[in-house]
């Protein structure tokens, strides 16, 4: 299949997308792919992260931990026992 045909098929399938989250992931992916930035990681939801985006996520996580935004193993064990 040549490039023009592949693009046509892709566009037809793309037009069928009804999930806003999926569309947003495509937008982010396309924006990164067409820029000079490289993807270095993905979020749990599958969103690509550039080096700068990844560094920012790490910084946010470390700040959250400093502010007590975490669960200890002991708390998880207590929670698991209550199930």
C-alpha atoms as a PDB file:
ATOM      1  CA  UNK A   1       0.000   0.000   0.000  1.00  0.00           C
ATOM      2  CA  UNK A   2       1.504   3.341  -0.969  1.00  0.00           C
ATOM      3  CA  UNK A   3       1.746   6.354   1.357  1.00  0.00           C
ATOM      4  CA  UNK A   4      -1.212   8.223  -0.162  1.00  0.00           C
ATOM      5  CA  UNK A   5      -3.489   5.186   0.273  1.00  0.00           C
ATOM      6  CA  UNK A   6      -2.307   4.624   3.833  1.00  0.00           C
ATOM      7  CA  UNK A   7      -3.013   8.276   4.683  1.00  0.00           C
ATOM      8  CA  UNK A   8      -6.487   8.053   3.154  1.00  0.00           C
ATOM      9  CA  UNK A   9      -7.314   4.927   5.159  1.00  0.00           C
ATOM     10  CA  UNK A  10      -5.912   6.505   8.326  1.00  0.00           C
ATOM     11  CA  UNK A  11      -7.968   9.692   7.819  1.00  0.00           C
ATOM     12  CA  UNK A  12     -11.131   7.653   7.333  1.00  0.00           C
ATOM     13  CA  UNK A  13     -10.487   5.720  10.551  1.00  0.00           C
ATOM     14  CA  UNK A  14      -9.458   8.919  12.374  1.00  0.00           C
ATOM     15  CA  UNK A  15     -12.768  10.551  11.425  1.00  0.00           C
ATOM     16  CA  UNK A  16     -14.576   7.717  13.248  1.00  0.00           C
ATOM     17  CA  UNK A  17     -13.018   8.576  16.627  1.00  0.00           C
ATOM     18  CA  UNK A  18     -15.645   9.544  19.177  1.00  0.00           C
ATOM     19  CA  UNK A  19     -13.490   9.397  22.319  1.00  0.00           C
ATOM     20  CA  UNK A  20     -12.204  12.868  23.268  1.00  0.00           C
ATOM     21  CA  UNK A  21      -9.364  11.391  25.352  1.00  0.00           C
ATOM     22  CA  UNK A  22      -8.135   9.306  22.436  1.00  0.00           C
ATOM     23  CA  UNK A  23      -8.291  12.338  20.165  1.00  0.00           C
ATOM     24  CA  UNK A  24      -6.270  14.343  22.689  1.00  0.00           C
ATOM     25  CA  UNK A  25      -3.611  11.593  22.844  1.00  0.00           C
ATOM     26  CA  UNK A  26      -3.359  11.674  19.044  1.00  0.00           C
ATOM     27  CA  UNK A  27      -2.972  15.455  19.126  1.00  0.00           C
ATOM     28  CA  UNK A  28      -0.193  15.291  21.709  1.00  0.00           C
ATOM     29  CA  UNK A  29       1.536  12.451  19.903  1.00  0.00           C
ATOM     30  CA  UNK A  30       1.371  14.249  16.560  1.00  0.00           C
ATOM     31  CA  UNK A  31       2.586  17.528  18.040  1.00  0.00           C
ATOM     32  CA  UNK A  32       5.610  15.809  19.579  1.00  0.00           C
ATOM     33  CA  UNK A  33       6.362  13.707  16.489  1.00  0.00           C
ATOM     34  CA  UNK A  34       6.348  16.760  14.232  1.00  0.00           C
ATOM     35  CA  UNK A  35       8.606  18.730  16.559  1.00  0.00           C
ATOM     36  CA  UNK A  36      12.279  18.202  17.288  1.00  0.00           C
ATOM     37  CA  UNK A  37      11.461  16.855  20.750  1.00  0.00           C
ATOM     38  CA  UNK A  38      11.789  13.155  21.481  1.00  0.00           C
ATOM     39  CA  UNK A  39       9.458  11.025  23.579  1.00  0.00           C
ATOM     40  CA  UNK A  40      11.302   9.665  26.623  1.00  0.00           C
ATOM     41  CA  UNK A  41       8.417   8.148  28.597  1.00  0.00           C
ATOM     42  CA  UNK A  42       4.672   7.581  28.719  1.00  0.00           C
ATOM     43  CA  UNK A  43       2.133   8.256  31.457  1.00  0.00           C
ATOM     44  CA  UNK A  44       0.035   5.458  32.910  1.00  0.00           C
ATOM     45  CA  UNK A  45      -2.742   6.679  30.608  1.00  0.00           C
ATOM     46  CA  UNK A  46      -0.436   6.272  27.600  1.00  0.00           C
ATOM     47  CA  UNK A  47       0.303   9.938  26.947  1.00  0.00           C
ATOM     48  CA  UNK A  48       3.802  10.561  25.575  1.00  0.00           C
ATOM     49  CA  UNK A  49       6.202  12.731  27.553  1.00  0.00           C
ATOM     50  CA  UNK A  50       9.149  14.717  26.308  1.00  0.00           C
ATOM     51  CA  UNK A  51      12.237  15.107  28.494  1.00  0.00           C
ATOM     52  CA  UNK A  52      10.969  18.456  29.766  1.00  0.00           C
ATOM     53  CA  UNK A  53       7.471  17.125  30.452  1.00  0.00           C
ATOM     54  CA  UNK A  54       8.923  14.102  32.259  1.00  0.00           C
ATOM     55  CA  UNK A  55      11.190  16.290  34.410  1.00  0.00           C
ATOM     56  CA  UNK A  56       8.182  18.437  35.354  1.00  0.00           C
ATOM     57  CA  UNK A  57       6.149  15.345  36.340  1.00  0.00           C
ATOM     58  CA  UNK A  58       9.038  14.137  38.522  1.00  0.00           C
ATOM     59  CA  UNK A  59       9.314  17.575  40.148  1.00  0.00           C
ATOM     60  CA  UNK A  60       5.557  17.616  40.857  1.00  0.00           C
ATOM     61  CA  UNK A  61       5.720  14.122  42.342  1.00  0.00           C
ATOM     62  CA  UNK A  62       8.650  15.005  44.620  1.00  0.00           C
ATOM     63  CA  UNK A  63       6.808  18.122  45.814  1.00  0.00           C
ATOM     64  CA  UNK A  64       3.702  16.031  46.492  1.00  0.00           C
ATOM     65  CA  UNK A  65       5.746  13.563  48.560  1.00  0.00           C
ATOM     66  CA  UNK A  66       7.301  16.434  50.544  1.00  0.00           C
ATOM     67  CA  UNK A  67       3.777  17.648  51.338  1.00  0.00           C
ATOM     68  CA  UNK A  68       2.750  14.183  52.544  1.00  0.00           C
ATOM     69  CA  UNK A  69       1.009  13.081  49.357  1.00  0.00           C
ATOM     70  CA  UNK A  70       1.809   9.385  49.647  1.00  0.00           C
ATOM     71  CA  UNK A  71       0.606   6.194  51.335  1.00  0.00           C
ATOM     72  CA  UNK A  72       2.886   4.101  53.520  1.00  0.00           C
ATOM     73  CA  UNK A  73       3.200   0.347  53.181  1.00  0.00           C
ATOM     74  CA  UNK A  74       1.672  -0.016  56.640  1.00  0.00           C
ATOM     75  CA  UNK A  75      -1.391   1.975  55.589  1.00  0.00           C
ATOM     76  CA  UNK A  76      -1.753  -0.088  52.426  1.00  0.00           C
ATOM     77  CA  UNK A  77      -1.553  -3.312  54.439  1.00  0.00           C
ATOM     78  CA  UNK A  78      -4.251  -2.058  56.851  1.00  0.00           C
ATOM     79  CA  UNK A  79      -6.434  -1.059  53.920  1.00  0.00           C
ATOM     80  CA  UNK A  80      -5.945  -4.428  52.234  1.00  0.00           C
ATOM     81  CA  UNK A  81      -6.932  -6.294  55.404  1.00  0.00           C
ATOM     82  CA  UNK A  82     -10.204  -4.368  55.592  1.00  0.00           C
ATOM     83  CA  UNK A  83     -11.359  -5.680  52.216  1.00  0.00           C
END
